[in-house]
Amino acid sequence: MSFDKEFYNQASAEKLGWDSKWFGVTENDDRLIEAVKKWQRARSLKADGLVGPMTFRRVWTEREAQISSARAAPGHGYESAPLVCHEPTIVHNGTHYPIKWPRVVLWDELDGLTTDPGNYSSYAGKEPRKINHFVNHWDVCLSSASCANVLAKRGISVHFCIDNDGTIYQLLDTQHAAWQAGGRLWNHTSIGVEIANAYYLKYQDWYVSKGFGARPIQEQGQVHGKTLKPFLDFYPVQLEALKALWAAVSEAHNIPLECPTDKHGKLVTTIDSRCVRGEFSGFVNHYNLTKRKIDCAGLDLVGLLDAAKEL
């Protein structure tokens, strides 16, 4: 009988993306079955040792609630006795993955930015979401906190924000589909980031007065066959944070560090049919999906992605 349960749990783990370490053991054997039974008994569930839909949903929800208070070693699930890890991480499906950036704040931490229930498509307790691309946005806001407030008022969402000082905020487990790319296909197959940048030159004095310093000015931003009027560009520290985020997401989700290019290897600065059909795997700007968007014009995806590969 234990063999049948081992086989069932192996199939369940492969389908749903859980790990034996979630129950404090390392292998899928009789010890896992006993550990699952113990876990089930403690929660008044049927103690059959099988990680079925009800058991999986319960353990997934518990893990999600402990994201910051009990960080596990990067790349692994929570142990029966949670490990403390001070290395910055991003989170997918309740599991921490390392990121080589010193300032990362998760949604349930003291200074975290959150996403309201109902403003995203929940994949809690479901099979791991199939993700093949990452979408870059600028938020046209003065800060990431302001961006999060605007998103909440609009009833939409995003997974990450990068603030003026380079702080990366994760607002939502990437297992969930954020409503950030504009279409159901794009939302459900992507991860998104909003990079703080008010865009218009009139806000330059605000950044200086708040101690961030003057933003670079982008004068050659081209999109959809046009050159845009000069606008505020990203701070260098934001681009460094962005590269680190790309590298971490690529590692966690096996998304290639590539972007849409033409036959000469130059960045595509308008919609790309592969992106529109959801067939492109890599990192894209929002304008690659629709002509209604111009973000992030001027962002050197080719050069930045080459640098991200070194991370």
Protein backbone atom coordinates (compact mmCIF):
# COMPACT_ATOMS: atom_id res chain seq x y z
CA MET A 1 0.00 0.00 0.00
CA SER A 2 2.83 2.38 0.84
CA PHE A 3 4.19 1.85 -2.67
CA ASP A 4 0.88 2.99 -4.12
CA LYS A 5 0.94 6.06 -1.89
CA GLU A 6 4.52 6.82 -2.88
CA PHE A 7 3.50 6.65 -6.53
CA TYR A 8 0.44 8.85 -5.91
CA ASN A 9 2.47 11.44 -4.04
CA GLN A 10 5.15 11.46 -6.72
CA ALA A 11 2.51 12.11 -9.40
CA SER A 12 0.89 14.78 -7.23
CA ALA A 13 4.22 16.52 -6.63
CA GLU A 14 5.04 16.54 -10.34
CA LYS A 15 1.60 17.91 -11.21
CA LEU A 16 1.20 20.51 -8.47
CA GLY A 17 4.80 21.50 -7.81
CA TRP A 18 5.08 20.64 -4.11
CA ASP A 19 8.12 19.11 -2.45
CA SER A 20 8.65 16.53 0.29
CA LYS A 21 10.58 19.20 2.21
CA TRP A 22 7.26 20.96 2.77
CA PHE A 23 6.56 18.19 5.30
CA GLY A 24 10.05 18.11 6.83
CA VAL A 25 11.55 15.13 4.96
CA THR A 26 13.77 14.85 1.93
CA GLU A 27 12.59 11.77 0.04
CA ASN A 28 9.33 10.40 -1.32
CA ASP A 29 9.15 7.22 0.76
CA ASP A 30 7.41 5.81 3.82
CA ARG A 31 8.82 8.66 5.92
CA LEU A 32 7.00 11.17 3.73
CA ILE A 33 3.73 9.27 4.10
CA GLU A 34 4.08 9.27 7.89
CA ALA A 35 5.03 12.96 7.90
CA VAL A 36 1.96 13.80 5.81
CA LYS A 37 -0.26 11.79 8.16
CA LYS A 38 1.14 13.66 11.15
CA TRP A 39 0.56 16.97 9.38
CA GLN A 40 -3.01 15.97 8.49
CA ARG A 41 -3.88 14.82 12.01
CA ALA A 42 -2.71 18.13 13.45
CA ARG A 43 -5.20 19.91 11.18
CA SER A 44 -8.14 17.51 11.63
CA LEU A 45 -7.85 16.18 8.10
CA LYS A 46 -8.21 12.55 7.07
CA ALA A 47 -4.79 11.07 7.88
CA ASP A 48 -4.26 8.99 4.74
CA GLY A 49 -0.73 10.17 3.90
CA LEU A 50 -1.84 11.35 0.47
CA VAL A 51 -1.24 14.90 -0.72
CA GLY A 52 -4.57 15.25 -2.46
CA PRO A 53 -6.33 18.51 -3.43
CA MET A 54 -7.52 19.37 0.11
CA THR A 55 -4.18 18.66 1.78
CA PHE A 56 -2.29 20.52 -0.94
CA ARG A 57 -4.50 23.61 -0.70
CA ARG A 58 -4.11 23.71 3.07
CA VAL A 59 -0.34 23.39 3.06
CA TRP A 60 -0.02 25.87 0.16
CA THR A 61 -2.07 28.47 2.04
CA GLU A 62 -0.08 27.98 5.24
CA ARG A 63 3.20 28.38 3.37
CA GLU A 64 1.94 31.53 1.63
CA ALA A 65 1.00 33.04 5.00
CA GLN A 66 4.55 32.44 6.30
CA ILE A 67 6.44 33.98 3.39
CA SER A 68 8.40 36.55 5.40
CA SER A 69 8.13 35.29 8.96
CA ALA A 70 9.77 31.97 8.19
CA ARG A 71 12.03 32.27 5.20
CA ALA A 72 13.53 28.98 4.10
CA ALA A 73 16.85 28.41 2.45
CA PRO A 74 16.69 29.82 -1.10
CA GLY A 75 15.28 27.44 -3.68
CA HIS A 76 13.68 25.11 -1.12
CA GLY A 77 10.34 24.81 0.60
CA TYR A 78 9.59 25.37 4.25
CA GLU A 79 10.98 22.73 6.60
CA SER A 80 9.13 21.44 9.64
CA ALA A 81 11.38 23.77 11.64
CA PRO A 82 11.63 26.93 9.46
CA LEU A 83 15.10 28.20 8.69
CA VAL A 84 16.00 31.86 8.95
CA CYS A 85 17.58 33.24 5.80
CA HIS A 86 18.69 36.84 5.42
CA GLU A 87 19.63 36.49 1.79
CA PRO A 88 17.17 38.44 -0.40
CA THR A 89 14.72 36.27 -2.29
CA ILE A 90 11.75 36.42 -4.62
CA VAL A 91 8.82 34.04 -4.20
CA HIS A 92 7.08 31.62 -6.54
CA ASN A 93 4.44 29.17 -5.35
CA GLY A 94 5.50 29.73 -1.76
CA THR A 95 9.14 28.87 -2.46
CA HIS A 96 12.01 31.34 -2.10
CA TYR A 97 14.52 31.85 -4.90
CA PRO A 98 17.70 33.90 -4.42
CA ILE A 99 18.23 37.27 -6.05
CA LYS A 100 21.54 39.10 -6.17
CA TRP A 101 20.20 42.43 -4.98
CA PRO A 102 20.40 43.81 -1.42
CA ARG A 103 17.00 45.54 -1.19
CA VAL A 104 14.01 43.27 -1.77
CA VAL A 105 10.78 43.70 0.21
CA LEU A 106 8.01 41.08 0.10
CA TRP A 107 4.31 41.86 0.28
CA ASP A 108 3.81 40.66 3.85
CA GLU A 109 6.79 42.43 5.34
CA LEU A 110 6.51 45.59 7.44
CA ASP A 111 7.16 48.01 4.59
CA GLY A 112 5.77 45.76 1.86
CA LEU A 113 3.37 46.76 -0.90
CA THR A 114 0.31 44.56 -1.24
CA THR A 115 -2.23 43.46 -3.83
CA ASP A 116 -5.92 43.45 -2.98
CA PRO A 117 -7.82 40.14 -3.32
CA GLY A 118 -9.92 40.18 -6.46
CA ASN A 119 -7.39 42.23 -8.43
CA TYR A 120 -5.55 39.22 -9.83
CA SER A 121 -6.22 35.65 -10.96
CA SER A 122 -5.47 33.30 -8.07
CA TYR A 123 -3.62 30.08 -8.79
CA ALA A 124 -3.57 29.08 -5.12
CA GLY A 125 -3.56 25.30 -4.85
CA LYS A 126 -3.54 24.86 -8.62
CA GLU A 127 -0.95 23.43 -10.96
CA PRO A 128 2.13 25.66 -11.41
CA ARG A 129 1.39 28.47 -13.82
CA LYS A 130 3.05 28.11 -17.24
CA ILE A 131 5.13 31.29 -17.58
CA ASN A 132 7.18 32.08 -20.68
CA HIS A 133 7.74 35.85 -20.70
CA PHE A 134 8.38 38.89 -18.52
CA VAL A 135 6.84 42.31 -19.26
CA ASN A 136 8.52 45.63 -18.43
CA HIS A 137 6.40 48.71 -17.64
CA TRP A 138 7.03 52.22 -16.38
CA ASP A 139 4.41 53.34 -13.88
CA VAL A 140 4.11 57.10 -14.65
CA CYS A 141 4.03 57.56 -10.86
CA LEU A 142 6.36 59.34 -8.47
CA SER A 143 7.10 56.23 -6.41
CA SER A 144 6.32 52.54 -6.09
CA ALA A 145 3.99 53.25 -3.15
CA SER A 146 2.04 55.63 -5.35
CA CYS A 147 1.99 53.01 -8.11
CA ALA A 148 0.58 50.37 -5.77
CA ASN A 149 -2.15 52.79 -4.71
CA VAL A 150 -3.07 53.53 -8.33
CA LEU A 151 -3.15 49.83 -9.22
CA ALA A 152 -5.49 49.17 -6.28
CA LYS A 153 -7.84 51.96 -7.32
CA ARG A 154 -7.89 50.63 -10.89
CA GLY A 155 -8.51 47.06 -9.75
CA ILE A 156 -5.41 45.67 -11.47
CA SER A 157 -2.07 44.31 -10.30
CA VAL A 158 1.60 43.59 -10.99
CA HIS A 159 4.13 41.21 -9.46
CA PHE A 160 7.04 43.60 -8.89
CA CYS A 161 7.79 47.31 -8.52
CA ILE A 162 11.22 48.96 -8.62
CA ASP A 163 11.36 52.21 -6.64
CA ASN A 164 13.45 55.31 -7.25
CA ASP A 165 16.20 54.08 -4.91
CA GLY A 166 16.37 50.66 -6.55
CA THR A 167 14.31 48.83 -3.92
CA ILE A 168 12.49 45.87 -5.44
CA TYR A 169 9.01 45.23 -4.05
CA GLN A 170 7.25 41.95 -4.71
CA LEU A 171 3.51 42.54 -4.41
CA LEU A 172 2.28 39.09 -5.42
CA ASP A 173 3.51 35.51 -5.55
CA THR A 174 4.38 34.82 -9.19
CA GLN A 175 2.25 31.67 -9.03
CA HIS A 176 -0.70 34.08 -9.41
CA ALA A 177 -1.50 35.86 -12.68
CA ALA A 178 -1.29 39.63 -12.24
CA TRP A 179 -3.54 41.80 -14.40
CA GLN A 180 -0.73 43.83 -15.91
CA ALA A 181 -0.24 42.99 -19.57
CA GLY A 182 -3.72 43.78 -20.86
CA GLY A 183 -5.02 40.50 -22.24
CA ARG A 184 -5.95 37.18 -20.69
CA LEU A 185 -3.33 35.26 -22.71
CA TRP A 186 -0.57 37.72 -21.82
CA ASN A 187 -1.56 37.99 -18.15
CA HIS A 188 -1.71 34.27 -17.56
CA THR A 189 1.64 33.48 -19.18
CA SER A 190 3.74 36.37 -17.89
CA ILE A 191 5.35 38.13 -14.95
CA GLY A 192 5.37 41.94 -14.82
CA VAL A 193 7.31 44.80 -13.25
CA GLU A 194 6.41 48.49 -12.86
CA ILE A 195 9.51 50.71 -12.72
CA ALA A 196 8.95 54.01 -10.91
CA ASN A 197 9.22 56.92 -13.35
CA ALA A 198 6.81 59.84 -13.64
CA TYR A 199 7.95 60.23 -17.27
CA TYR A 200 7.19 63.93 -17.82
CA LEU A 201 10.03 66.48 -17.56
CA LYS A 202 7.95 68.74 -15.30
CA TYR A 203 8.50 66.28 -12.42
CA GLN A 204 12.29 66.58 -12.47
CA ASP A 205 12.26 69.21 -9.72
CA TRP A 206 10.24 66.89 -7.47
CA TYR A 207 12.89 64.17 -7.68
CA VAL A 208 15.63 66.65 -6.91
CA SER A 209 13.72 68.14 -3.97
CA LYS A 210 13.17 64.67 -2.48
CA GLY A 211 16.88 63.87 -2.58
CA PHE A 212 16.87 61.35 -5.41
CA GLY A 213 18.83 63.62 -7.73
CA ALA A 214 18.06 64.56 -11.30
CA ARG A 215 16.87 61.77 -13.51
CA PRO A 216 18.61 61.10 -16.82
CA ILE A 217 16.73 62.49 -19.82
CA GLN A 218 15.84 60.14 -22.66
CA GLU A 219 15.98 61.99 -25.98
CA GLN A 220 16.08 59.07 -28.43
CA GLY A 221 13.14 56.98 -27.27
CA GLN A 222 11.74 55.29 -30.36
CA VAL A 223 8.55 53.27 -30.47
CA HIS A 224 6.11 52.27 -33.20
CA GLY A 225 8.19 54.07 -35.84
CA LYS A 226 8.29 57.42 -34.03
CA THR A 227 10.80 59.25 -31.86
CA LEU A 228 9.17 60.48 -28.67
CA LYS A 229 9.66 63.93 -27.20
CA PRO A 230 12.34 63.96 -24.46
CA PHE A 231 11.17 62.35 -21.22
CA LEU A 232 12.52 61.29 -17.84
CA ASP A 233 14.54 58.07 -17.94
CA PHE A 234 15.36 55.47 -15.27
CA TYR A 235 18.00 55.99 -12.61
CA PRO A 236 21.10 53.80 -13.06
CA VAL A 237 20.34 52.06 -9.74
CA GLN A 238 16.92 51.08 -11.08
CA LEU A 239 18.52 49.46 -14.11
CA GLU A 240 20.92 47.54 -11.88
CA ALA A 241 17.95 46.31 -9.85
CA LEU A 242 16.10 45.41 -13.03
CA LYS A 243 19.00 43.28 -14.26
CA ALA A 244 19.16 41.46 -10.95
CA LEU A 245 15.40 40.84 -11.05
CA TRP A 246 15.59 39.52 -14.61
CA ALA A 247 18.41 37.16 -13.68
CA ALA A 248 16.51 35.83 -10.65
CA VAL A 249 13.27 35.35 -12.60
CA SER A 250 15.14 33.65 -15.43
CA GLU A 251 16.73 31.24 -12.98
CA ALA A 252 13.49 30.52 -11.10
CA HIS A 253 11.28 30.10 -14.17
CA ASN A 254 13.70 29.04 -16.88
CA ILE A 255 12.80 32.07 -19.00
CA PRO A 256 15.63 32.75 -21.47
CA LEU A 257 17.40 36.09 -21.10
CA GLU A 258 16.43 37.11 -24.62
CA CYS A 259 14.26 39.87 -26.12
CA PRO A 260 12.50 40.41 -29.48
CA THR A 261 15.08 41.30 -32.14
CA ASP A 262 15.04 41.60 -35.92
CA LYS A 263 17.19 39.62 -38.36
CA HIS A 264 20.07 42.02 -37.69
CA GLY A 265 19.91 41.45 -33.95
CA LYS A 266 18.45 44.87 -33.20
CA LEU A 267 15.70 45.39 -30.66
CA VAL A 268 12.16 45.36 -32.04
CA THR A 269 10.66 48.72 -30.98
CA THR A 270 7.05 48.02 -31.92
CA ILE A 271 4.62 45.14 -31.58
CA ASP A 272 6.07 41.72 -32.28
CA SER A 273 3.73 39.07 -33.69
CA ARG A 274 5.38 36.33 -31.62
CA CYS A 275 4.71 38.30 -28.46
CA VAL A 276 1.14 39.07 -29.46
CA ARG A 277 0.44 35.35 -29.99
CA GLY A 278 2.08 34.45 -26.70
CA GLU A 279 4.73 32.41 -28.49
CA PHE A 280 7.81 34.41 -27.50
CA SER A 281 9.84 33.22 -24.54
CA GLY A 282 11.91 35.95 -22.95
CA PHE A 283 11.78 39.56 -21.76
CA VAL A 284 9.66 42.15 -23.54
CA ASN A 285 8.54 45.76 -23.26
CA HIS A 286 4.84 46.47 -23.02
CA TYR A 287 4.87 48.04 -26.48
CA ASN A 288 5.85 44.65 -27.94
CA LEU A 289 2.31 43.50 -27.12
CA THR A 290 0.17 46.42 -28.28
CA LYS A 291 0.42 49.70 -30.19
CA ARG A 292 -1.59 51.34 -27.41
CA LYS A 293 1.51 51.31 -25.17
CA ILE A 294 4.88 53.04 -25.40
CA ASP A 295 6.61 51.64 -22.28
CA CYS A 296 9.48 51.10 -21.98
CA ALA A 297 10.72 53.13 -24.98
CA GLY A 298 14.46 53.76 -24.85
CA LEU A 299 15.16 50.77 -22.58
CA ASP A 300 18.17 48.92 -24.00
CA LEU A 301 16.87 45.38 -23.57
CA VAL A 302 19.65 43.83 -25.66
CA GLY A 303 22.51 45.39 -23.71
CA LEU A 304 20.89 45.00 -20.30
CA LEU A 305 20.02 41.36 -20.89
CA ASP A 306 23.59 40.65 -21.94
CA ALA A 307 24.71 42.16 -18.63
CA ALA A 308 22.06 40.17 -16.74
CA LYS A 309 23.49 36.94 -18.15
CA GLU A 310 26.70 37.64 -16.24
CA LEU A 311 24.70 37.53 -13.00
